[in-house]
Amino acid sequence: MGEVRSGSGEAPELDAVVVGAGFAGLYQLHLLRRLGFATRLFEACEDVGGTWYRNRYPGARCDIESTAYSYSFSPELDQEWEWSERYAAQPEILRYLRHVADRFDLRRDITLNTRVDRAVYDEVRHVWTLALSGGETVTARFVVLATGCTSAVKEVDIPGVGRFGGRILHTADWPRDEPDLSGQRVAVLGTGCSGVQAVPELAARAGSLTVLQRTPVYALPAHNRPLSAAEAAATKADYPRYRRAQRASRGGTLFTPPTRSALSVEAAERTATYEEGWRSGVLSGLLRTYTDLLSDEAANETVASFVRGKIRDTVADPEAAEALSPRTFPFGTKRPCLESGYYAAFNEPHVDLVDLRRTPLVEVTAGGVRTTEREYPVDTLVLATGFDALTGSQTAMDIRGRGGVTLREKWSDGAANHLGLVASGFPNLFTVLGPLSPSVLSNAVTAAEQHVEWIADCLVHLRRHALTEIDATPQAEREWCAHVAELAGRTLYPSVESWYTGANVPGKARTFLAYTGGMVEYRARCDAAARDGYAGFALARAAGHAAEPAAGATTAAGATTAAGATTAAGATTA
């Protein structure tokens, strides 16, 4: 029952298929297996790692501290793994995920180099049939999309890019063999987080570097450094307490929440507070200083002005400093970045900044990039142009639910689902870190663990009661979408065109795609739905599906579950 037999025409039925082998997918596979579900995971890349396999560009690293940006489900894993830096670089994170796959013997149920091209739901049998790249098919009762928030690369829409005679590299699909850029004339298009991380590294390698900036970004100093043996020991000793607190936190990291408005204190005190946040080297170090920075424009301007002052202090050329200073959107409403030498790179004589607001991009030519002012000769063009975030990795597949409706069609006017987990009309199809959940506004690993455990408990509940289908009700979906929009409307987020709203992708519906209420409230709502017999969901049993014996109420780990219980999480410690 776990094998996928190519070309047999009789693909065996699985309890569950997981799509994607990143943080979420690996844990989902591990947990479902431990709970006795026949599960296989399909991954399009050559190895596990998900986003951290593909995003191997120079400078790529996490922007949540390594000790927090890691699994909490296994105390043994916490004690045996050694993080070398405060913010781990991509190779180290990939080694960690490979270690997890090997340590928990996950590879035997993972099929690599395999995409899920199509998934069609059988409304009578309550089964998904998945067509895989290469022609195989497999059927499964449940499908979990662990395909990542930022894994679907945004389509390149730059005029003339197809006729460029040099080499084109994309930060989201960097070559496994590091290209030699020494002496090269390199241009980078895009200054989001990937561009901010890549620019200092590219500046150190290239003969010359031209940074083509459409919109400047707010970037904060990472103050990254190696972790000492004493720090590692202290962290491991504190992990049991820390992990409990992390799971109960608003965003998956620990901090003391602010209690005052930015406008309620004197300017000198406010500046001193911002200085402390700036020195912290934490992504949310400034946003967590006052209560109203994301809800009041005047309050936000105080912190935005502070950051612009720091840019002026770092960048020697006043004109370049001004071009690098955001003035068209509030601080934090587009994802801030952690930087390690980004602003300082523009003080190097071989690094040039091209402000595309002042001289717009016209086209890519055979030998470079042309703006309205001039052409810049380029040997290697690096595209850091971003992702079709939160929905793109799901709509890239041909997923057909009730009545043959595709997920792409359903979401043509904006993503819709209940609790960020199940879209009405697509039964037995779960998303991890998908739209309308905390996802990108939280520590993604902590948020993924909450999703994975809720899904696992849900499947155990269905098995226990001999149910074969769960679908979000249309009313619950409408109410959840309205709730998410109402909370977002209390903030400055929806007023800004960003990838949070889908505005970076031409033709994509504009809706705010993340839950702003925080993980504490979100977790409480998910748990309440489960406790209430999965309120907001319609549960059903396929015709002819017999109830399981009473023993079916017990998990593979030997613990009995109930709706809303945390048995799934408790069953996974190694």
Protein backbone atom coordinates (compact mmCIF):
# COMPACT_ATOMS: atom_id res chain seq x y z
CA MET A 1 0.00 0.00 0.00
CA GLY A 2 2.86 2.51 -0.04
CA GLU A 3 4.31 1.89 -3.48
CA VAL A 4 3.73 3.89 -6.63
CA ARG A 5 3.81 1.47 -9.54
CA SER A 6 4.62 3.15 -12.79
CA GLY A 7 2.42 2.22 -15.71
CA SER A 8 0.43 -0.44 -13.88
CA GLY A 9 -2.87 1.32 -14.44
CA GLU A 10 -3.82 0.29 -10.91
CA ALA A 11 -2.03 2.74 -8.67
CA PRO A 12 -2.46 1.59 -5.08
CA GLU A 13 -4.46 3.80 -2.81
CA LEU A 14 -2.58 5.77 -0.16
CA ASP A 15 -4.05 7.34 2.92
CA ALA A 16 -2.22 10.57 2.18
CA VAL A 17 0.07 12.25 -0.30
CA VAL A 18 2.28 15.13 0.82
CA VAL A 19 3.59 17.51 -1.85
CA GLY A 20 6.87 19.25 -1.06
CA ALA A 21 9.90 18.24 1.01
CA GLY A 22 10.66 21.43 2.90
CA PHE A 23 10.17 22.06 6.62
CA ALA A 24 6.40 21.48 6.46
CA GLY A 25 6.39 18.46 4.18
CA LEU A 26 9.07 16.52 6.03
CA TYR A 27 7.32 16.95 9.36
CA GLN A 28 3.92 16.09 7.85
CA LEU A 29 5.32 12.85 6.43
CA HIS A 30 7.01 11.96 9.72
CA LEU A 31 3.90 12.61 11.78
CA LEU A 32 1.40 10.85 9.52
CA ARG A 33 3.65 7.81 9.33
CA ARG A 34 3.97 7.71 13.10
CA LEU A 35 0.18 7.82 13.32
CA GLY A 36 -0.18 4.83 11.03
CA PHE A 37 -1.21 6.50 7.77
CA ALA A 38 0.23 5.10 4.54
CA THR A 39 1.84 8.23 3.20
CA ARG A 40 4.17 9.23 0.40
CA LEU A 41 5.81 12.54 -0.32
CA PHE A 42 6.57 13.85 -3.80
CA GLU A 43 9.22 16.50 -4.38
CA ALA A 44 10.05 18.16 -7.70
CA CYS A 45 13.71 18.82 -6.83
CA GLU A 46 16.65 16.42 -6.75
CA ASP A 47 16.76 16.35 -2.94
CA VAL A 48 14.86 17.38 0.15
CA GLY A 49 14.96 20.96 1.41
CA GLY A 50 12.21 22.74 -0.49
CA THR A 51 12.91 26.46 -0.65
CA TRP A 52 16.27 25.88 1.03
CA TYR A 53 17.29 23.50 -1.75
CA ARG A 54 16.50 25.90 -4.60
CA ASN A 55 17.40 29.24 -3.00
CA ARG A 56 21.16 28.78 -2.91
CA TYR A 57 22.16 32.23 -4.17
CA PRO A 58 25.19 33.91 -2.58
CA GLY A 59 24.26 35.33 0.82
CA ALA A 60 21.06 33.31 1.26
CA ARG A 61 20.31 32.78 4.94
CA CYS A 62 17.37 32.76 7.34
CA ASP A 63 16.16 35.99 8.94
CA ILE A 64 14.82 34.30 12.07
CA GLU A 65 17.52 33.20 14.52
CA SER A 66 18.65 29.66 13.76
CA THR A 67 17.83 28.32 17.21
CA ALA A 68 14.23 29.43 16.70
CA TYR A 69 14.01 28.71 12.96
CA SER A 70 14.12 24.97 13.54
CA TYR A 71 11.81 22.14 14.53
CA SER A 72 10.44 22.00 18.07
CA PHE A 73 8.79 18.56 17.87
CA SER A 74 11.80 16.51 18.93
CA PRO A 75 13.78 17.29 22.12
CA GLU A 76 16.43 14.83 20.97
CA LEU A 77 16.90 16.70 17.69
CA ASP A 78 17.26 19.95 19.63
CA GLN A 79 20.05 18.48 21.71
CA GLU A 80 22.02 16.81 18.93
CA TRP A 81 22.07 19.55 16.30
CA GLU A 82 24.70 22.31 16.50
CA TRP A 83 23.97 25.65 14.82
CA SER A 84 27.14 27.50 13.88
CA GLU A 85 25.76 31.02 13.34
CA ARG A 86 23.11 33.29 14.75
CA TYR A 87 21.50 33.34 11.30
CA ALA A 88 22.29 30.13 9.46
CA ALA A 89 23.24 30.30 5.80
CA GLN A 90 21.48 28.21 3.17
CA PRO A 91 24.03 25.35 3.11
CA GLU A 92 23.67 24.84 6.87
CA ILE A 93 19.87 24.89 6.78
CA LEU A 94 19.92 22.39 3.92
CA ARG A 95 22.26 20.14 5.93
CA TYR A 96 19.81 20.34 8.82
CA LEU A 97 16.85 19.30 6.67
CA ARG A 98 18.87 16.46 5.12
CA HIS A 99 19.80 15.34 8.63
CA VAL A 100 16.13 15.34 9.64
CA ALA A 101 15.21 13.27 6.57
CA ASP A 102 17.90 10.73 7.42
CA ARG A 103 17.46 10.73 11.19
CA PHE A 104 13.75 9.95 10.97
CA ASP A 105 14.17 7.59 8.00
CA LEU A 106 11.92 9.66 5.78
CA ARG A 107 13.61 9.05 2.45
CA ARG A 108 12.07 5.60 1.96
CA ASP A 109 8.68 7.32 1.48
CA ILE A 110 9.94 10.27 -0.56
CA THR A 111 10.00 10.30 -4.35
CA LEU A 112 12.31 13.00 -5.71
CA ASN A 113 12.42 14.58 -9.17
CA THR A 114 8.66 14.17 -9.34
CA ARG A 115 6.05 16.87 -9.78
CA VAL A 116 2.35 16.58 -9.15
CA ASP A 117 1.01 17.95 -12.41
CA ARG A 118 -2.69 17.26 -11.88
CA ALA A 119 -5.01 16.27 -9.04
CA VAL A 120 -8.68 15.37 -9.62
CA TYR A 121 -11.21 14.69 -6.87
CA ASP A 122 -13.66 11.77 -7.11
CA GLU A 123 -16.82 13.00 -5.38
CA VAL A 124 -18.27 9.50 -5.07
CA ARG A 125 -15.26 7.63 -3.71
CA HIS A 126 -13.82 10.62 -1.81
CA VAL A 127 -10.42 10.02 -3.37
CA TRP A 128 -7.87 12.18 -5.15
CA THR A 129 -6.18 10.90 -8.30
CA LEU A 130 -2.82 12.54 -8.89
CA ALA A 131 -0.97 12.57 -12.18
CA LEU A 132 2.77 12.72 -11.69
CA SER A 133 5.48 13.90 -14.03
CA GLY A 134 6.65 10.92 -16.04
CA GLY A 135 3.16 9.53 -16.52
CA GLU A 136 2.51 7.72 -13.22
CA THR A 137 -0.73 8.11 -11.29
CA VAL A 138 -1.49 7.53 -7.63
CA THR A 139 -4.70 7.73 -5.65
CA ALA A 140 -4.96 8.99 -2.09
CA ARG A 141 -7.71 9.83 0.35
CA PHE A 142 -6.01 13.03 1.49
CA VAL A 143 -3.55 15.46 -0.09
CA VAL A 144 -1.43 17.93 1.86
CA LEU A 145 0.12 20.77 -0.11
CA ALA A 146 3.35 21.68 1.67
CA THR A 147 4.58 23.55 -1.37
CA GLY A 148 5.87 26.67 0.35
CA CYS A 149 4.90 30.33 0.69
CA THR A 150 7.60 31.64 -1.63
CA SER A 151 8.49 28.82 -3.98
CA ALA A 152 6.62 29.65 -7.19
CA VAL A 153 8.95 31.92 -9.12
CA LYS A 154 7.23 34.97 -10.58
CA GLU A 155 7.18 34.88 -14.36
CA VAL A 156 9.86 37.09 -15.84
CA ASP A 157 8.11 39.94 -17.68
CA ILE A 158 11.11 42.04 -18.74
CA PRO A 159 11.13 43.19 -22.36
CA GLY A 160 13.93 41.66 -24.41
CA VAL A 161 15.19 39.24 -21.77
CA GLY A 162 15.02 36.38 -24.29
CA ARG A 163 17.63 37.92 -26.54
CA PHE A 164 20.24 38.62 -23.87
CA GLY A 165 23.55 37.18 -25.07
CA GLY A 166 25.14 36.73 -21.65
CA ARG A 167 24.26 34.48 -18.74
CA ILE A 168 21.02 34.86 -16.78
CA LEU A 169 20.85 33.64 -13.19
CA HIS A 170 17.80 33.66 -10.92
CA THR A 171 18.15 33.85 -7.16
CA ALA A 172 15.33 31.31 -6.76
CA ASP A 173 17.00 28.76 -9.04
CA TRP A 174 20.71 29.31 -8.56
CA PRO A 175 23.08 26.78 -10.18
CA ARG A 176 24.34 23.99 -7.94
CA ASP A 177 27.85 24.62 -9.26
CA GLU A 178 28.68 28.15 -8.15
CA PRO A 179 29.31 30.31 -11.25
CA ASP A 180 32.62 32.16 -11.46
CA LEU A 181 31.82 35.89 -11.57
CA SER A 182 35.36 37.18 -11.13
CA GLY A 183 36.01 40.02 -13.53
CA GLN A 184 32.40 39.87 -14.78
CA ARG A 185 30.15 42.85 -15.35
CA VAL A 186 27.16 41.79 -13.25
CA ALA A 187 23.75 43.45 -12.98
CA VAL A 188 21.11 42.64 -10.38
CA LEU A 189 17.46 43.40 -11.03
CA GLY A 190 15.38 43.38 -7.87
CA THR A 191 16.06 44.63 -4.35
CA GLY A 192 13.74 42.57 -2.19
CA CYS A 193 15.14 40.29 0.48
CA SER A 194 16.95 38.04 -2.01
CA GLY A 195 18.58 41.00 -3.70
CA VAL A 196 19.55 42.58 -0.39
CA GLN A 197 21.28 39.38 0.70
CA ALA A 198 22.95 38.75 -2.65
CA VAL A 199 24.32 42.23 -3.42
CA PRO A 200 27.20 42.29 -0.88
CA GLU A 201 28.33 38.80 -1.94
CA LEU A 202 28.12 39.63 -5.64
CA ALA A 203 29.98 42.89 -5.05
CA ALA A 204 32.83 40.91 -3.50
CA ARG A 205 33.06 38.57 -6.50
CA ALA A 206 32.24 40.65 -9.59
CA GLY A 207 34.46 42.99 -11.53
CA SER A 208 31.64 45.52 -11.48
CA LEU A 209 28.11 45.41 -10.10
CA THR A 210 25.11 47.41 -11.27
CA VAL A 211 22.06 47.25 -9.03
CA LEU A 212 18.83 48.05 -10.87
CA GLN A 213 16.33 49.18 -8.24
CA ARG A 214 12.63 49.58 -8.90
CA THR A 215 11.57 50.16 -5.29
CA PRO A 216 13.91 50.70 -2.33
CA VAL A 217 13.54 48.46 0.69
CA TYR A 218 13.84 48.92 4.43
CA ALA A 219 16.73 46.74 5.60
CA LEU A 220 17.97 46.30 9.15
CA PRO A 221 21.42 45.14 10.27
CA ALA A 222 21.59 41.42 11.06
CA HIS A 223 24.68 41.60 13.27
CA ASN A 224 25.23 37.98 12.35
CA ARG A 225 28.05 36.14 14.12
CA PRO A 226 29.22 32.66 15.07
CA LEU A 227 27.57 31.07 18.10
CA SER A 228 29.92 30.17 20.91
CA ALA A 229 29.97 26.80 22.64
CA ALA A 230 28.69 28.48 25.81
CA GLU A 231 25.75 30.00 23.93
CA ALA A 232 24.91 26.66 22.36
CA ALA A 233 24.97 24.92 25.73
CA ALA A 234 22.77 27.58 27.32
CA THR A 235 20.28 27.36 24.46
CA LYS A 236 20.06 23.58 24.71
CA ALA A 237 19.54 23.74 28.46
CA ASP A 238 16.71 26.23 27.96
CA TYR A 239 15.12 24.57 24.93
CA PRO A 240 12.28 22.77 26.81
CA ARG A 241 11.02 26.05 28.25
CA TYR A 242 11.75 28.01 25.09
CA ARG A 243 9.91 25.61 22.79
CA ARG A 244 6.79 25.70 24.99
CA ALA A 245 6.86 29.48 25.00
CA GLN A 246 7.57 29.62 21.27
CA ARG A 247 4.49 27.55 20.47
CA ALA A 248 2.39 29.84 22.65
CA SER A 249 3.79 33.06 21.18
CA ARG A 250 2.21 35.51 18.78
CA GLY A 251 4.66 34.97 15.96
CA GLY A 252 6.92 32.06 16.82
CA THR A 253 9.64 34.19 18.43
CA LEU A 254 9.80 35.51 21.97
CA PHE A 255 9.72 39.17 22.96
CA THR A 256 8.05 41.47 25.45
CA PRO A 257 5.07 43.08 23.68
CA PRO A 258 4.95 46.88 23.63
CA THR A 259 2.40 48.78 25.69
CA ARG A 260 2.70 52.38 24.45
CA SER A 261 2.06 54.37 21.31
CA ALA A 262 5.03 55.79 19.45
CA LEU A 263 3.30 59.17 19.61
CA SER A 264 2.92 59.09 23.40
CA VAL A 265 6.63 59.52 24.19
CA GLU A 266 9.15 62.29 23.66
CA ALA A 267 11.26 62.20 20.51
CA ALA A 268 14.50 61.58 22.43
CA GLU A 269 13.06 58.56 24.24
CA ARG A 270 11.60 57.22 21.02
CA THR A 271 14.94 57.54 19.23
CA ALA A 272 16.73 55.74 22.07
CA THR A 273 14.19 52.92 21.87
CA TYR A 274 14.66 52.66 18.10
CA GLU A 275 18.44 52.59 18.57
CA GLU A 276 18.05 49.60 20.88
CA GLY A 277 15.84 47.83 18.32
CA TRP A 278 18.33 48.62 15.56
CA ARG A 279 21.22 47.18 17.56
CA SER A 280 19.25 44.01 18.38
CA GLY A 281 19.79 42.54 14.92
CA VAL A 282 16.28 41.09 15.00
CA LEU A 283 13.93 41.35 12.02
CA SER A 284 11.06 42.66 14.15
CA GLY A 285 13.37 44.59 16.48
CA LEU A 286 11.88 47.93 15.46
CA LEU A 287 8.27 46.87 14.87
CA ARG A 288 8.00 45.46 18.39
CA THR A 289 8.91 48.75 20.07
CA TYR A 290 5.49 50.47 19.99
CA THR A 291 1.90 49.33 19.63
CA ASP A 292 0.82 51.45 16.67
CA LEU A 293 3.62 51.29 14.13
CA LEU A 294 1.54 49.13 11.76
CA SER A 295 -1.77 50.84 12.36
CA ASP A 296 -1.06 54.59 12.44
CA GLU A 297 0.66 56.42 9.61
CA ALA A 298 2.03 59.18 11.81
CA ALA A 299 3.46 56.66 14.27
CA ASN A 300 4.95 54.65 11.42
CA GLU A 301 6.63 57.70 9.97
CA THR A 302 8.67 58.09 13.16
CA VAL A 303 10.33 54.69 12.65
CA ALA A 304 10.54 55.05 8.87
CA SER A 305 12.36 58.36 9.30
CA PHE A 306 14.73 56.71 11.77
CA VAL A 307 15.66 53.99 9.26
CA ARG A 308 16.16 56.51 6.47
CA GLY A 309 18.55 58.36 8.79
CA LYS A 310 20.54 55.16 9.26
CA ILE A 311 20.76 54.74 5.48
CA ARG A 312 22.10 58.30 5.15
CA ASP A 313 24.64 57.58 7.88
CA THR A 314 25.92 54.52 5.98
CA VAL A 315 25.84 55.50 2.31
CA ALA A 316 28.43 58.17 1.50
CA ASP A 317 26.81 59.52 -1.68
CA PRO A 318 23.77 61.60 -0.66
CA GLU A 319 22.04 60.99 -3.99
CA ALA A 320 22.45 57.21 -3.67
CA ALA A 321 21.34 57.35 -0.03
CA GLU A 322 18.17 59.14 -1.01
CA ALA A 323 17.48 56.68 -3.84
CA LEU A 324 17.88 53.82 -1.34
CA SER A 325 15.46 55.42 1.13
CA PRO A 326 11.84 54.23 0.86
CA ARG A 327 9.27 57.02 0.86
CA THR A 328 6.28 55.50 -0.91
CA PHE A 329 5.14 52.94 1.67
CA PRO A 330 5.13 52.62 5.47
CA PHE A 331 7.88 50.73 7.23
CA GLY A 332 7.03 47.03 7.68
CA THR A 333 4.14 46.90 5.20
CA LYS A 334 6.48 45.22 2.74
CA ARG A 335 8.60 42.52 4.34
CA PRO A 336 11.67 44.15 5.91
CA CYS A 337 15.04 42.52 5.32
CA LEU A 338 18.06 41.76 7.43
CA GLU A 339 21.22 42.98 5.74
CA SER A 340 24.90 42.22 6.12
CA GLY A 341 26.74 44.93 4.22
CA TYR A 342 24.01 45.85 1.74
CA TYR A 343 24.07 49.62 2.20
CA ALA A 344 27.85 49.68 2.67
CA ALA A 345 28.28 47.95 -0.71
CA PHE A 346 27.19 51.14 -2.45
CA ASN A 347 30.29 52.89 -1.09
CA GLU A 348 32.48 50.59 -3.21
CA PRO A 349 33.77 52.25 -6.40
CA HIS A 350 32.79 49.30 -8.61
CA VAL A 351 29.15 49.20 -7.40
CA ASP A 352 26.57 51.44 -9.07
CA LEU A 353 22.94 52.02 -8.23
CA VAL A 354 20.45 52.69 -11.02
CA ASP A 355 17.21 54.22 -9.78
CA LEU A 356 14.56 52.89 -12.15
CA ARG A 357 12.01 55.34 -10.77
CA ARG A 358 14.09 58.17 -12.21
CA THR A 359 15.30 56.38 -15.36
CA PRO A 360 12.88 53.52 -16.07
CA LEU A 361 13.96 50.21 -17.52
CA VAL A 362 13.28 50.01 -21.26
CA GLU A 363 14.58 46.58 -22.23
CA VAL A 364 17.26 43.96 -21.98
CA THR A 365 19.48 44.04 -25.03
CA ALA A 366 21.84 41.44 -26.45
CA GLY A 367 24.71 43.02 -24.52
CA GLY A 368 23.16 44.55 -21.44
CA VAL A 369 20.30 46.53 -19.96
CA ARG A 370 18.92 49.77 -21.36
CA THR A 371 17.11 52.44 -19.39
CA THR A 372 15.67 55.72 -20.63
CA GLU A 373 19.04 57.28 -19.90
CA ARG A 374 21.62 54.81 -21.25
CA GLU A 375 22.62 51.20 -21.82
CA TYR A 376 24.63 49.32 -19.18
CA PRO A 377 26.91 46.57 -20.57
CA VAL A 378 26.38 43.29 -18.71
CA ASP A 379 27.99 39.84 -18.84
CA THR A 380 25.76 38.20 -16.22
CA LEU A 381 22.22 39.32 -15.35
CA VAL A 382 20.95 38.24 -11.93
CA LEU A 383 17.17 38.27 -11.52
CA ALA A 384 15.96 38.73 -7.96
CA THR A 385 12.43 39.43 -9.13
CA GLY A 386 10.48 37.50 -6.53
CA PHE A 387 7.66 35.01 -6.28
CA ASP A 388 3.98 34.43 -6.87
CA ALA A 389 3.71 34.16 -3.12
CA LEU A 390 1.31 32.11 -0.98
CA THR A 391 -0.97 30.95 -3.81
CA GLY A 392 1.34 30.43 -6.79
CA SER A 393 2.76 27.06 -5.75
CA GLN A 394 -0.78 25.68 -5.50
CA THR A 395 -2.35 27.24 -8.58
CA ALA A 396 0.64 26.10 -10.64
CA MET A 397 -0.82 22.59 -10.40
CA ASP A 398 -3.99 21.60 -12.21
CA ILE A 399 -6.12 20.89 -9.14
CA ARG A 400 -9.77 20.04 -9.81
CA GLY A 401 -12.30 19.80 -7.01
CA ARG A 402 -16.07 19.38 -7.00
CA GLY A 403 -17.69 19.71 -10.40
CA GLY A 404 -14.29 19.86 -12.09
CA VAL A 405 -13.68 23.42 -10.89
CA THR A 406 -9.97 24.22 -10.74
CA LEU A 407 -8.34 25.88 -7.77
CA ARG A 408 -7.05 28.49 -10.20
CA GLU A 409 -10.64 29.31 -11.18
CA LYS A 410 -11.84 29.40 -7.60
CA TRP A 411 -9.12 31.83 -6.60
CA SER A 412 -9.35 34.02 -9.69
CA ASP A 413 -11.00 36.75 -7.58
CA GLY A 414 -8.78 36.14 -4.57
CA ALA A 415 -7.75 33.28 -2.32
CA ALA A 416 -10.56 31.83 -0.21
CA ASN A 417 -10.56 29.04 2.35
CA HIS A 418 -11.50 28.24 5.95
CA LEU A 419 -8.84 28.76 8.61
CA GLY A 420 -6.19 28.92 5.90
CA LEU A 421 -6.45 25.14 5.67
CA VAL A 422 -9.22 23.89 3.34
CA ALA A 423 -10.85 25.64 0.38
CA SER A 424 -14.57 24.93 0.04
CA GLY A 425 -15.22 22.62 -2.90
CA PHE A 426 -11.82 20.94 -2.55
CA PRO A 427 -12.42 18.24 0.07
CA ASN A 428 -9.56 16.35 1.70
CA LEU A 429 -7.08 18.89 0.32
CA PHE A 430 -5.10 20.71 3.01
CA THR A 431 -2.58 23.51 2.67
CA VAL A 432 0.30 24.23 5.03
CA LEU A 433 1.41 27.87 5.30
CA GLY A 434 -1.07 28.77 2.59
CA PRO A 435 -3.04 31.98 2.11
CA LEU A 436 -5.15 33.44 4.95
CA SER A 437 -3.01 31.86 7.66
CA PRO A 438 -0.22 33.54 9.73
CA SER A 439 2.45 32.05 7.41
CA VAL A 440 4.72 34.88 6.24
CA LEU A 441 3.88 37.12 9.21
CA SER A 442 5.31 34.57 11.63
CA ASN A 443 8.19 32.19 12.14
CA ALA A 444 7.37 29.84 9.27
CA VAL A 445 8.69 26.73 11.02
CA THR A 446 6.57 27.27 14.13
CA ALA A 447 3.52 28.09 11.99
CA ALA A 448 4.10 24.99 9.86
CA GLU A 449 4.27 22.74 12.92
CA GLN A 450 0.91 24.05 14.11
CA HIS A 451 -0.67 23.35 10.71
CA VAL A 452 0.88 19.91 10.38
CA GLU A 453 -0.27 18.82 13.82
CA TRP A 454 -3.80 20.13 13.29
CA ILE A 455 -4.06 18.26 9.98
CA ALA A 456 -2.74 15.07 11.57
CA ASP A 457 -5.21 15.27 14.45
CA CYS A 458 -7.99 15.91 11.93
CA LEU A 459 -7.11 12.78 9.95
CA VAL A 460 -7.04 10.72 13.14
CA HIS A 461 -10.49 12.06 14.05
CA LEU A 462 -11.83 11.10 10.63
CA ARG A 463 -10.31 7.64 10.88
CA ARG A 464 -11.65 7.16 14.38
CA HIS A 465 -15.20 7.95 13.23
CA ALA A 466 -14.90 6.09 9.89
CA LEU A 467 -15.32 9.35 7.95
CA THR A 468 -13.81 9.75 4.51
CA GLU A 469 -14.33 13.41 3.63
CA ILE A 470 -13.84 16.84 5.15
CA ASP A 471 -14.72 20.03 3.28
CA ALA A 472 -15.01 23.63 4.37
CA THR A 473 -18.57 24.92 4.28
CA PRO A 474 -19.17 27.92 2.00
CA GLN A 475 -20.50 29.96 4.92
CA ALA A 476 -17.49 29.24 7.13
CA GLU A 477 -15.20 30.13 4.25
CA ARG A 478 -16.98 33.44 3.68
CA GLU A 479 -16.82 34.25 7.38
CA TRP A 480 -13.13 33.41 7.61
CA CYS A 481 -12.28 35.53 4.57
CA ALA A 482 -14.24 38.43 6.05
CA HIS A 483 -12.48 38.00 9.40
CA VAL A 484 -9.03 37.98 7.79
CA ALA A 485 -9.88 41.08 5.73
CA GLU A 486 -11.35 42.88 8.74
CA LEU A 487 -8.22 42.30 10.82
CA ALA A 488 -5.96 43.35 7.95
CA GLY A 489 -8.08 46.48 7.52
CA ARG A 490 -7.06 47.61 10.99
CA THR A 491 -3.46 47.81 9.76
CA LEU A 492 -1.53 49.69 7.09
CA TYR A 493 -0.80 46.47 5.16
CA PRO A 494 -3.66 46.51 2.60
CA SER A 495 -2.92 50.07 1.51
CA VAL A 496 0.38 49.02 -0.05
CA GLU A 497 1.02 47.21 -3.32
CA SER A 498 3.23 44.30 -2.31
CA TRP A 499 3.54 40.55 -2.70
CA TYR A 500 1.52 40.35 0.51
CA THR A 501 -1.43 41.53 -1.61
CA GLY A 502 -0.43 39.84 -4.87
CA ALA A 503 0.31 43.19 -6.50
CA ASN A 504 3.70 42.03 -7.81
CA VAL A 505 2.07 39.53 -10.19
CA PRO A 506 0.26 40.99 -13.21
CA GLY A 507 -3.39 39.90 -13.29
CA LYS A 508 -3.42 38.46 -9.79
CA ALA A 509 -6.40 39.45 -7.64
CA ARG A 510 -5.56 42.01 -4.96
CA THR A 511 -6.35 40.67 -1.51
CA PHE A 512 -4.28 40.68 1.66
CA LEU A 513 -3.06 37.10 1.83
CA ALA A 514 -1.99 36.60 5.44
CA TYR A 515 -3.68 36.46 8.83
CA THR A 516 -2.64 39.48 10.92
CA GLY A 517 -4.24 38.34 14.20
CA GLY A 518 -1.15 36.47 15.36
CA MET A 519 -0.52 32.80 16.03
CA VAL A 520 -2.03 32.75 19.53
CA GLU A 521 -5.44 33.79 18.27
CA TYR A 522 -5.10 31.68 15.14
CA ARG A 523 -4.16 28.56 17.07
CA ALA A 524 -7.08 29.13 19.43
CA ARG A 525 -9.54 29.35 16.54
CA CYS A 526 -8.17 26.20 14.90
CA ASP A 527 -8.30 24.30 18.20
CA ALA A 528 -11.83 25.53 18.89
CA ALA A 529 -13.03 24.28 15.50
CA ALA A 530 -11.57 20.84 16.24
CA ARG A 531 -12.99 20.76 19.77
CA ASP A 532 -16.43 21.56 18.40
CA GLY A 533 -16.40 18.55 16.09
CA TYR A 534 -14.69 20.46 13.27
CA ALA A 535 -17.13 23.35 13.21
CA GLY A 536 -17.17 25.07 9.84
CA PHE A 537 -16.40 21.84 8.04
CA ALA A 538 -18.74 19.26 6.50
CA LEU A 539 -17.78 15.67 7.34
CA ALA A 540 -19.03 12.69 5.34
CA ARG A 541 -18.57 8.97 4.70
CA ALA A 542 -18.34 7.46 1.24
CA ALA A 543 -20.99 4.90 0.35
CA GLY A 544 -19.90 1.40 1.29
CA HIS A 545 -17.12 2.58 3.60
CA ALA A 546 -17.37 0.46 6.73
CA ALA A 547 -16.55 1.70 10.19
CA GLU A 548 -13.20 0.59 11.57
CA PRO A 549 -12.92 -1.52 14.72
CA ALA A 550 -12.55 0.28 18.02
CA ALA A 551 -8.78 -0.18 17.86
CA GLY A 552 -8.78 2.30 14.98
CA ALA A 553 -9.22 5.05 17.54
CA THR A 554 -5.67 4.51 18.72
CA THR A 555 -2.71 6.13 17.00
CA ALA A 556 0.34 4.26 15.83
CA ALA A 557 2.16 5.68 18.85
CA GLY A 558 -0.40 4.06 21.15
CA ALA A 559 -2.16 7.25 22.22
CA THR A 560 -5.86 7.84 21.79
CA THR A 561 -6.84 11.11 20.15
CA ALA A 562 -9.88 13.32 20.47
CA ALA A 563 -10.87 16.39 18.53
CA GLY A 564 -8.73 19.29 19.58
CA ALA A 565 -6.29 17.15 21.55
CA THR A 566 -2.56 17.49 21.09
CA THR A 567 -1.84 13.78 20.78
CA ALA A 568 -0.37 14.17 17.31
CA ALA A 569 2.30 16.53 18.59
CA GLY A 570 2.96 14.36 21.61
CA ALA A 571 3.35 11.26 19.48
CA THR A 572 6.23 12.64 17.45
CA THR A 573 9.07 12.96 19.89
CA ALA A 574 11.80 10.58 18.80
